[in-house]
Protein backbone atom coordinates (compact mmCIF):
# COMPACT_ATOMS: atom_id res chain seq x y z
CA MET A 1 -9.68 -5.31 30.05
CA ILE A 2 -8.00 -4.49 26.81
CA ARG A 3 -10.12 -3.11 24.41
CA ARG A 4 -9.50 -3.57 20.83
CA ARG A 5 -10.45 -2.08 17.52
CA GLY A 6 -12.43 -3.74 15.27
CA PRO A 7 -11.80 -5.41 11.82
CA GLY A 8 -13.63 -2.69 10.26
CA TYR A 9 -11.03 -0.28 11.68
CA GLU A 10 -8.25 -2.56 11.12
CA LEU A 11 -8.61 -3.57 7.41
CA PRO A 12 -8.66 -0.08 5.64
CA ARG A 13 -5.81 0.83 8.08
CA TYR A 14 -3.45 -2.00 8.12
CA SER A 15 -4.38 -3.81 4.81
CA HIS A 16 -5.42 -6.96 6.82
CA VAL A 17 -7.32 -7.79 10.20
CA LEU A 18 -5.17 -7.93 13.24
CA GLY A 19 -7.34 -9.31 16.03
CA PRO A 20 -9.41 -12.43 16.62
CA ASP A 21 -12.54 -10.84 15.07
CA ALA A 22 -13.97 -11.56 11.83
CA LEU A 23 -15.06 -9.36 9.28
CA HIS A 24 -19.05 -9.54 8.78
CA PRO A 25 -20.33 -11.32 5.68
CA ASP A 26 -22.41 -8.30 4.92
CA ASP A 27 -19.47 -6.53 4.06
CA ARG A 28 -18.59 -8.52 0.68
CA ASP A 29 -19.49 -7.68 -2.59
CA SER A 30 -21.04 -9.95 -5.25
CA SER A 31 -17.54 -12.10 -5.62
CA GLY A 32 -17.13 -12.54 -2.03
CA ARG A 33 -14.55 -9.80 -1.69
CA HIS A 34 -14.74 -7.41 1.30
CA THR A 35 -15.34 -3.89 -0.04
CA HIS A 36 -13.72 -0.42 0.97
CA PHE A 37 -15.02 2.41 -0.84
CA ARG A 38 -13.52 5.94 -0.98
CA GLU A 39 -14.16 8.87 -2.83
CA VAL A 40 -11.58 10.49 -4.72
CA TYR A 41 -10.63 13.26 -7.40
CA TYR A 42 -8.81 12.98 -10.54
CA LEU A 43 -7.74 14.55 -13.50
CA THR A 44 -8.83 14.39 -17.05
CA GLU A 45 -8.24 15.95 -20.35
CA ASN A 46 -11.51 18.01 -19.44
CA GLY A 47 -10.58 18.98 -15.84
CA SER A 48 -10.83 17.54 -12.32
CA ARG A 49 -13.57 14.92 -11.87
CA ARG A 50 -15.02 13.21 -8.73
CA GLY A 51 -15.50 9.27 -8.39
CA TRP A 52 -15.46 6.14 -6.07
CA ILE A 53 -12.84 3.40 -6.23
CA ASN A 54 -12.81 0.22 -4.25
CA LEU A 55 -9.46 -0.06 -2.24
CA TYR A 56 -9.77 -3.69 -2.18
CA ASP A 57 -10.21 -4.38 -5.59
CA GLU A 58 -8.03 -7.05 -7.12
CA ALA A 59 -6.51 -4.52 -9.62
CA ILE A 60 -5.31 -2.12 -6.61
CA HIS A 61 -1.88 -2.75 -5.45
CA VAL A 62 -0.35 -1.23 -2.02
CA PHE A 63 3.21 -0.13 -1.76
CA SER A 64 5.24 1.17 0.80
CA ASP A 65 8.40 2.82 0.41
CA ALA A 66 10.22 -0.51 1.33
CA ASP A 67 8.99 -2.13 -1.24
CA PHE A 68 10.83 -0.66 -3.95
CA ALA A 69 7.93 -0.67 -6.40
CA SER A 70 9.44 -1.14 -9.87
CA VAL A 71 6.61 0.88 -11.73
CA PHE A 72 8.16 3.67 -9.83
CA GLY A 73 11.76 3.15 -11.12
CA TRP A 74 13.21 2.04 -7.99
CA ARG A 75 15.90 -0.23 -7.27
CA SER A 76 17.34 -1.85 -4.20
CA ALA A 77 21.06 -1.39 -3.52
CA ASP A 78 22.72 -4.32 -1.94
CA ASP A 79 25.49 -2.84 0.33
CA ASP A 80 25.50 -4.81 3.38
CA THR A 81 28.23 -7.31 2.54
CA ASP A 82 31.18 -5.63 4.04
CA GLY A 83 29.85 -5.15 7.60
CA ASP A 84 30.98 -1.54 8.24
CA ALA A 85 27.33 0.02 8.23
CA ARG A 86 28.48 2.72 5.75
CA CYS A 87 26.40 3.10 2.53
CA ASP A 88 29.10 3.56 -0.08
CA ALA A 89 27.25 1.00 -3.01
CA MET A 90 27.97 2.47 -6.68
CA PRO A 91 24.21 2.38 -7.60
CA VAL A 92 23.94 4.85 -4.88
CA TYR A 93 26.76 7.33 -5.94
CA GLN A 94 25.40 6.76 -9.24
CA CYS A 95 21.86 8.29 -8.65
CA LEU A 96 23.69 11.19 -6.54
CA VAL A 97 25.91 12.04 -9.63
CA ASP A 98 23.11 12.20 -12.00
């Protein structure tokens, strides 16, 4: 018998439920969305503060390093057209020189 982790473990870790189990209806907020609150520390003009954020709020966006998030100034360099498996794209060279 294969033991599976529950959706309460999968959702925070993978951002979606992988297995066949459904999330419990009581884990939803008043708008019907699932919640996942985490305590965070953040800086203000008056020093460090502590608060809670809902990681599943619609305003929260999750990015990985493969997403090339434009908010960080990242961009993708397309260099797979010549088939030689070498990274010699001009945008990469420009980043290295700058």
